[in-house]
Each structure stands twice: as C-alpha cells, then as structure tokens.
Amino acid sequence: MCKVLVVDDERIIREGIAKVIPWEELGYTLVGTAANGVEAYKIIKKNSIDIIITDIKMPGMGGLELIAKVKE
C-alpha cells in the first residue's frame, strides 16, 4: 500500500481530507497529518512516504519549500 501524508495549516481542511477519503479501500495508508512543512518533514524523515498532499502557503515551511527539501 502507498503511504500518504496530508499537510495543511487549516485544521478543517487537513482533517476533512484525512476523514473523507476511504484510504484503505483505495489501497492507501494514511500515515498522518501535519500543520506545516516543518512538522511534515519530521514525519517524512521517520517514515517512508509515497504521496504528500500539501498546501503551498503555510507558516514555518510552505509546501514548495517542503518539496525541495524532500528532493534533497
């Protein structure tokens, strides 16, 4: 199963995506959620994540910066 991480600074959006999508039925595992790129990067370092669903503008570290850091 592909492992997914949802990253968004807006709690209602982050939790909505996490709860509404039937991850297991679709063959995915939701590893967790993060409120910004800094939190997300910590999770990514500890887990092998296949898919990151991220917002672009967030406090701390935005989505584009997170993508660049993960690519390193």
PDB file of N, CA and C in Angstrom:
ATOM      1  N   MET A   1       0.834  -1.195   0.000  1.00  0.00           N
ATOM      2  CA  MET A   1       0.000   0.000   0.000  1.00  0.00           C
ATOM      3  C   MET A   1       0.873   1.252   0.000  1.00  0.00           C
ATOM      4  N   CYS A   2       0.435   2.241  -0.742  1.00  0.00           N
ATOM      5  CA  CYS A   2       1.123   3.531  -0.764  1.00  0.00           C
ATOM      6  C   CYS A   2       0.819   4.285   0.524  1.00  0.00           C
ATOM      7  N   LYS A   3       1.840   4.927   1.072  1.00  0.00           N
ATOM      8  CA  LYS A   3       1.682   5.698   2.300  1.00  0.00           C
ATOM      9  C   LYS A   3       1.508   7.168   1.956  1.00  0.00           C
ATOM     10  N   VAL A   4       0.491   7.797   2.581  1.00  0.00           N
ATOM     11  CA  VAL A   4       0.114   9.171   2.269  1.00  0.00           C
ATOM     12  C   VAL A   4       0.252  10.059   3.506  1.00  0.00           C
ATOM     13  N   LEU A   5       0.695  11.296   3.281  1.00  0.00           N
ATOM     14  CA  LEU A   5       0.764  12.317   4.331  1.00  0.00           C
ATOM     15  C   LEU A   5       0.005  13.541   3.845  1.00  0.00           C
ATOM     16  N   VAL A   6      -0.891  14.070   4.679  1.00  0.00           N
ATOM     17  CA  VAL A   6      -1.663  15.268   4.341  1.00  0.00           C
ATOM     18  C   VAL A   6      -1.107  16.443   5.144  1.00  0.00           C
ATOM     19  N   VAL A   7      -0.756  17.529   4.438  1.00  0.00           N
ATOM     20  CA  VAL A   7      -0.144  18.693   5.081  1.00  0.00           C
ATOM     21  C   VAL A   7      -0.931  19.949   4.719  1.00  0.00           C
ATOM     22  N   ASP A   8      -1.490  20.604   5.732  1.00  0.00           N
ATOM     23  CA  ASP A   8      -2.222  21.857   5.509  1.00  0.00           C
ATOM     24  C   ASP A   8      -2.311  22.594   6.831  1.00  0.00           C
ATOM     25  N   ASP A   9      -2.147  23.911   6.800  1.00  0.00           N
ATOM     26  CA  ASP A   9      -2.199  24.688   8.037  1.00  0.00           C
ATOM     27  C   ASP A   9      -3.624  24.930   8.520  1.00  0.00           C
ATOM     28  N   GLU A  10      -4.608  24.714   7.670  1.00  0.00           N
ATOM     29  CA  GLU A  10      -6.001  24.874   8.075  1.00  0.00           C
ATOM     30  C   GLU A  10      -6.528  23.525   8.561  1.00  0.00           C
ATOM     31  N   ARG A  11      -6.792  23.465   9.868  1.00  0.00           N
ATOM     32  CA  ARG A  11      -7.193  22.213  10.509  1.00  0.00           C
ATOM     33  C   ARG A  11      -8.407  21.571   9.848  1.00  0.00           C
ATOM     34  N   ILE A  12      -9.416  22.352   9.525  1.00  0.00           N
ATOM     35  CA  ILE A  12     -10.647  21.797   8.957  1.00  0.00           C
ATOM     36  C   ILE A  12     -10.388  21.129   7.596  1.00  0.00           C
ATOM     37  N   ILE A  13      -9.509  21.697   6.814  1.00  0.00           N
ATOM     38  CA  ILE A  13      -9.165  21.107   5.513  1.00  0.00           C
ATOM     39  C   ILE A  13      -8.337  19.851   5.707  1.00  0.00           C
ATOM     40  N   ARG A  14      -7.321  19.937   6.562  1.00  0.00           N
ATOM     41  CA  ARG A  14      -6.437  18.807   6.843  1.00  0.00           C
ATOM     42  C   ARG A  14      -7.238  17.606   7.359  1.00  0.00           C
ATOM     43  N   GLU A  15      -8.084  17.847   8.356  1.00  0.00           N
ATOM     44  CA  GLU A  15      -8.877  16.763   8.938  1.00  0.00           C
ATOM     45  C   GLU A  15      -9.954  16.284   7.970  1.00  0.00           C
ATOM     46  N   GLY A  16     -10.499  17.203   7.184  1.00  0.00           N
ATOM     47  CA  GLY A  16     -11.511  16.822   6.200  1.00  0.00           C
ATOM     48  C   GLY A  16     -10.964  15.861   5.166  1.00  0.00           C
ATOM     49  N   ILE A  17      -9.811  16.170   4.608  1.00  0.00           N
ATOM     50  CA  ILE A  17      -9.182  15.287   3.620  1.00  0.00           C
ATOM     51  C   ILE A  17      -8.864  13.943   4.256  1.00  0.00           C
ATOM     52  N   ALA A  18      -8.358  13.976   5.474  1.00  0.00           N
ATOM     53  CA  ALA A  18      -7.981  12.741   6.168  1.00  0.00           C
ATOM     54  C   ALA A  18      -9.187  11.845   6.442  1.00  0.00           C
ATOM     55  N   LYS A  19     -10.330  12.438   6.765  1.00  0.00           N
ATOM     56  CA  LYS A  19     -11.509  11.656   7.150  1.00  0.00           C
ATOM     57  C   LYS A  19     -12.419  11.265   5.991  1.00  0.00           C
ATOM     58  N   VAL A  20     -12.521  12.109   4.974  1.00  0.00           N
ATOM     59  CA  VAL A  20     -13.484  11.890   3.895  1.00  0.00           C
ATOM     60  C   VAL A  20     -13.043  10.805   2.912  1.00  0.00           C
ATOM     61  N   ILE A  21     -11.763  10.733   2.647  1.00  0.00           N
ATOM     62  CA  ILE A  21     -11.262   9.776   1.653  1.00  0.00           C
ATOM     63  C   ILE A  21     -11.142   8.391   2.286  1.00  0.00           C
ATOM     64  N   PRO A  22     -11.708   7.361   1.637  1.00  0.00           N
ATOM     65  CA  PRO A  22     -11.606   5.987   2.158  1.00  0.00           C
ATOM     66  C   PRO A  22     -10.252   5.368   1.791  1.00  0.00           C
ATOM     67  N   TRP A  23      -9.211   5.775   2.487  1.00  0.00           N
ATOM     68  CA  TRP A  23      -7.834   5.425   2.154  1.00  0.00           C
ATOM     69  C   TRP A  23      -7.634   3.930   1.936  1.00  0.00           C
ATOM     70  N   GLU A  24      -8.034   3.119   2.896  1.00  0.00           N
ATOM     71  CA  GLU A  24      -7.795   1.675   2.825  1.00  0.00           C
ATOM     72  C   GLU A  24      -8.498   1.049   1.610  1.00  0.00           C
ATOM     73  N   GLU A  25      -9.732   1.473   1.359  1.00  0.00           N
ATOM     74  CA  GLU A  25     -10.484   0.945   0.218  1.00  0.00           C
ATOM     75  C   GLU A  25      -9.788   1.235  -1.108  1.00  0.00           C
ATOM     76  N   LEU A  26      -9.075   2.335  -1.168  1.00  0.00           N
ATOM     77  CA  LEU A  26      -8.394   2.753  -2.393  1.00  0.00           C
ATOM     78  C   LEU A  26      -6.967   2.212  -2.491  1.00  0.00           C
ATOM     79  N   GLY A  27      -6.545   1.487  -1.460  1.00  0.00           N
ATOM     80  CA  GLY A  27      -5.210   0.904  -1.487  1.00  0.00           C
ATOM     81  C   GLY A  27      -4.120   1.803  -0.928  1.00  0.00           C
ATOM     82  N   TYR A  28      -4.502   2.757  -0.086  1.00  0.00           N
ATOM     83  CA  TYR A  28      -3.554   3.684   0.517  1.00  0.00           C
ATOM     84  C   TYR A  28      -3.601   3.582   2.037  1.00  0.00           C
ATOM     85  N   THR A  29      -2.518   3.977   2.666  1.00  0.00           N
ATOM     86  CA  THR A  29      -2.468   4.067   4.115  1.00  0.00           C
ATOM     87  C   THR A  29      -2.171   5.516   4.470  1.00  0.00           C
ATOM     88  N   LEU A  30      -3.048   6.127   5.265  1.00  0.00           N
ATOM     89  CA  LEU A  30      -2.804   7.492   5.718  1.00  0.00           C
ATOM     90  C   LEU A  30      -1.859   7.404   6.914  1.00  0.00           C
ATOM     91  N   VAL A  31      -0.631   7.861   6.712  1.00  0.00           N
ATOM     92  CA  VAL A  31       0.389   7.811   7.768  1.00  0.00           C
ATOM     93  C   VAL A  31       0.097   8.862   8.829  1.00  0.00           C
ATOM     94  N   GLY A  32      -0.398  10.016   8.403  1.00  0.00           N
ATOM     95  CA  GLY A  32      -0.702  11.072   9.357  1.00  0.00           C
ATOM     96  C   GLY A  32      -0.971  12.390   8.680  1.00  0.00           C
ATOM     97  N   THR A  33      -1.062  13.422   9.506  1.00  0.00           N
ATOM     98  CA  THR A  33      -1.286  14.778   9.014  1.00  0.00           C
ATOM     99  C   THR A  33      -0.291  15.707   9.701  1.00  0.00           C
ATOM    100  N   ALA A  34      -0.040  16.849   9.077  1.00  0.00           N
ATOM    101  CA  ALA A  34       0.858  17.855   9.644  1.00  0.00           C
ATOM    102  C   ALA A  34       0.300  19.243   9.350  1.00  0.00           C
ATOM    103  N   ALA A  35       0.546  20.175  10.269  1.00  0.00           N
ATOM    104  CA  ALA A  35       0.021  21.534  10.141  1.00  0.00           C
ATOM    105  C   ALA A  35       0.928  22.467   9.346  1.00  0.00           C
ATOM    106  N   ASN A  36       2.161  22.029   9.063  1.00  0.00           N
ATOM    107  CA  ASN A  36       3.065  22.846   8.259  1.00  0.00           C
ATOM    108  C   ASN A  36       4.210  21.976   7.751  1.00  0.00           C
ATOM    109  N   GLY A  37       5.066  22.572   6.951  1.00  0.00           N
ATOM    110  CA  GLY A  37       6.176  21.829   6.363  1.00  0.00           C
ATOM    111  C   GLY A  37       7.189  21.319   7.371  1.00  0.00           C
ATOM    112  N   VAL A  38       7.370  22.045   8.457  1.00  0.00           N
ATOM    113  CA  VAL A  38       8.328  21.624   9.483  1.00  0.00           C
ATOM    114  C   VAL A  38       7.853  20.320  10.126  1.00  0.00           C
ATOM    115  N   GLU A  39       6.580  20.276  10.525  1.00  0.00           N
ATOM    116  CA  GLU A  39       6.005  19.050  11.095  1.00  0.00           C
ATOM    117  C   GLU A  39       6.063  17.918  10.078  1.00  0.00           C
ATOM    118  N   ALA A  40       5.706  18.233   8.848  1.00  0.00           N
ATOM    119  CA  ALA A  40       5.686  17.222   7.792  1.00  0.00           C
ATOM    120  C   ALA A  40       7.070  16.632   7.570  1.00  0.00           C
ATOM    121  N   TYR A  41       8.087  17.470   7.548  1.00  0.00           N
ATOM    122  CA  TYR A  41       9.444  16.995   7.303  1.00  0.00           C
ATOM    123  C   TYR A  41       9.901  16.030   8.396  1.00  0.00           C
ATOM    124  N   LYS A  42       9.537  16.313   9.640  1.00  0.00           N
ATOM    125  CA  LYS A  42       9.863  15.408  10.749  1.00  0.00           C
ATOM    126  C   LYS A  42       9.210  14.039  10.543  1.00  0.00           C
ATOM    127  N   ILE A  43       7.965  14.035  10.089  1.00  0.00           N
ATOM    128  CA  ILE A  43       7.254  12.776   9.827  1.00  0.00           C
ATOM    129  C   ILE A  43       7.897  12.044   8.661  1.00  0.00           C
ATOM    130  N   ILE A  44       8.245  12.774   7.619  1.00  0.00           N
ATOM    131  CA  ILE A  44       8.852  12.182   6.419  1.00  0.00           C
ATOM    132  C   ILE A  44      10.196  11.541   6.747  1.00  0.00           C
ATOM    133  N   LYS A  45      10.972  12.170   7.619  1.00  0.00           N
ATOM    134  CA  LYS A  45      12.274  11.616   7.999  1.00  0.00           C
ATOM    135  C   LYS A  45      12.127  10.283   8.743  1.00  0.00           C
ATOM    136  N   LYS A  46      11.022  10.107   9.466  1.00  0.00           N
ATOM    137  CA  LYS A  46      10.804   8.882  10.255  1.00  0.00           C
ATOM    138  C   LYS A  46      10.056   7.799   9.485  1.00  0.00           C
ATOM    139  N   ASN A  47       9.384   8.154   8.407  1.00  0.00           N
ATOM    140  CA  ASN A  47       8.543   7.220   7.649  1.00  0.00           C
ATOM    141  C   ASN A  47       8.862   7.299   6.162  1.00  0.00           C
ATOM    142  N   SER A  48       8.626   6.235   5.492  1.00  0.00           N
ATOM    143  CA  SER A  48       8.763   6.212   4.039  1.00  0.00           C
ATOM    144  C   SER A  48       7.418   6.625   3.444  1.00  0.00           C
ATOM    145  N   ILE A  49       7.323   7.852   2.971  1.00  0.00           N
ATOM    146  CA  ILE A  49       6.073   8.389   2.429  1.00  0.00           C
ATOM    147  C   ILE A  49       6.112   8.324   0.908  1.00  0.00           C
ATOM    148  N   ASP A  50       5.028   7.810   0.313  1.00  0.00           N
ATOM    149  CA  ASP A  50       4.942   7.712  -1.141  1.00  0.00           C
ATOM    150  C   ASP A  50       4.269   8.928  -1.769  1.00  0.00           C
ATOM    151  N   ILE A  51       3.252   9.474  -1.080  1.00  0.00           N
ATOM    152  CA  ILE A  51       2.479  10.602  -1.619  1.00  0.00           C
ATOM    153  C   ILE A  51       2.306  11.663  -0.538  1.00  0.00           C
ATOM    154  N   ILE A  52       2.586  12.923  -0.899  1.00  0.00           N
ATOM    155  CA  ILE A  52       2.368  14.045   0.011  1.00  0.00           C
ATOM    156  C   ILE A  52       1.335  14.960  -0.623  1.00  0.00           C
ATOM    157  N   ILE A  53       0.236  15.175   0.087  1.00  0.00           N
ATOM    158  CA  ILE A  53      -0.781  16.128  -0.346  1.00  0.00           C
ATOM    159  C   ILE A  53      -0.550  17.364   0.512  1.00  0.00           C
ATOM    160  N   THR A  54      -0.100  18.457  -0.123  1.00  0.00           N
ATOM    161  CA  THR A  54       0.300  19.624   0.659  1.00  0.00           C
ATOM    162  C   THR A  54      -0.273  20.931   0.140  1.00  0.00           C
ATOM    163  N   ASP A  55      -0.490  21.825   1.077  1.00  0.00           N
ATOM    164  CA  ASP A  55      -0.838  23.206   0.773  1.00  0.00           C
ATOM    165  C   ASP A  55       0.462  23.903   0.353  1.00  0.00           C
ATOM    166  N   ILE A  56       0.362  24.972  -0.393  1.00  0.00           N
ATOM    167  CA  ILE A  56       1.565  25.671  -0.832  1.00  0.00           C
ATOM    168  C   ILE A  56       2.005  26.708   0.194  1.00  0.00           C
ATOM    169  N   LYS A  57       1.081  27.541   0.663  1.00  0.00           N
ATOM    170  CA  LYS A  57       1.430  28.599   1.618  1.00  0.00           C
ATOM    171  C   LYS A  57       1.048  28.174   3.034  1.00  0.00           C
ATOM    172  N   MET A  58       2.079  28.018   3.870  1.00  0.00           N
ATOM    173  CA  MET A  58       1.875  27.649   5.271  1.00  0.00           C
ATOM    174  C   MET A  58       2.942  28.337   6.109  1.00  0.00           C
ATOM    175  N   PRO A  59       2.666  28.551   7.400  1.00  0.00           N
ATOM    176  CA  PRO A  59       3.689  29.145   8.263  1.00  0.00           C
ATOM    177  C   PRO A  59       4.827  28.157   8.521  1.00  0.00           C
ATOM    178  N   GLY A  60       5.984  28.685   8.804  1.00  0.00           N
ATOM    179  CA  GLY A  60       7.138  27.814   9.098  1.00  0.00           C
ATOM    180  C   GLY A  60       7.845  27.389   7.828  1.00  0.00           C
ATOM    181  N   MET A  61       7.238  26.471   7.119  1.00  0.00           N
ATOM    182  CA  MET A  61       7.783  25.985   5.844  1.00  0.00           C
ATOM    183  C   MET A  61       6.601  25.672   4.936  1.00  0.00           C
ATOM    184  N   GLY A  62       6.549  26.300   3.782  1.00  0.00           N
ATOM    185  CA  GLY A  62       5.464  26.083   2.840  1.00  0.00           C
ATOM    186  C   GLY A  62       5.636  24.792   2.052  1.00  0.00           C
ATOM    187  N   GLY A  63       4.639  24.451   1.280  1.00  0.00           N
ATOM    188  CA  GLY A  63       4.648  23.222   0.507  1.00  0.00           C
ATOM    189  C   GLY A  63       5.752  23.131  -0.530  1.00  0.00           C
ATOM    190  N   LEU A  64       6.023  24.229  -1.237  1.00  0.00           N
ATOM    191  CA  LEU A  64       7.071  24.204  -2.258  1.00  0.00           C
ATOM    192  C   LEU A  64       8.453  24.024  -1.623  1.00  0.00           C
ATOM    193  N   GLU A  65       8.658  24.683  -0.485  1.00  0.00           N
ATOM    194  CA  GLU A  65       9.923  24.528   0.242  1.00  0.00           C
ATOM    195  C   GLU A  65      10.063  23.095   0.760  1.00  0.00           C
ATOM    196  N   LEU A  66       8.963  22.523   1.234  1.00  0.00           N
ATOM    197  CA  LEU A  66       8.968  21.132   1.709  1.00  0.00           C
ATOM    198  C   LEU A  66       9.353  20.186   0.584  1.00  0.00           C
ATOM    199  N   ILE A  67       8.756  20.381  -0.578  1.00  0.00           N
ATOM    200  CA  ILE A  67       9.056  19.522  -1.732  1.00  0.00           C
ATOM    201  C   ILE A  67      10.548  19.604  -2.083  1.00  0.00           C
ATOM    202  N   ALA A  68      11.095  20.818  -2.113  1.00  0.00           N
ATOM    203  CA  ALA A  68      12.502  20.999  -2.430  1.00  0.00           C
ATOM    204  C   ALA A  68      13.394  20.297  -1.403  1.00  0.00           C
ATOM    205  N   LYS A  69      13.037  20.417  -0.130  1.00  0.00           N
ATOM    206  CA  LYS A  69      13.837  19.799   0.930  1.00  0.00           C
ATOM    207  C   LYS A  69      13.774  18.268   0.856  1.00  0.00           C
ATOM    208  N   VAL A  70      12.611  17.730   0.545  1.00  0.00           N
ATOM    209  CA  VAL A  70      12.453  16.272   0.436  1.00  0.00           C
ATOM    210  C   VAL A  70      13.242  15.738  -0.753  1.00  0.00           C
ATOM    211  N   LYS A  71      13.299  16.502  -1.841  1.00  0.00           N
ATOM    212  CA  LYS A  71      14.045  16.077  -3.029  1.00  0.00           C
ATOM    213  C   LYS A  71      15.532  15.975  -2.778  1.00  0.00           C
ATOM    214  N   GLU A  72      16.043  16.759  -1.808  1.00  0.00           N
ATOM    215  CA  GLU A  72      17.474  16.724  -1.480  1.00  0.00           C
ATOM    216  C   GLU A  72      17.796  15.376  -1.003  1.00  0.00           C
TER     217      GLU A  72
END
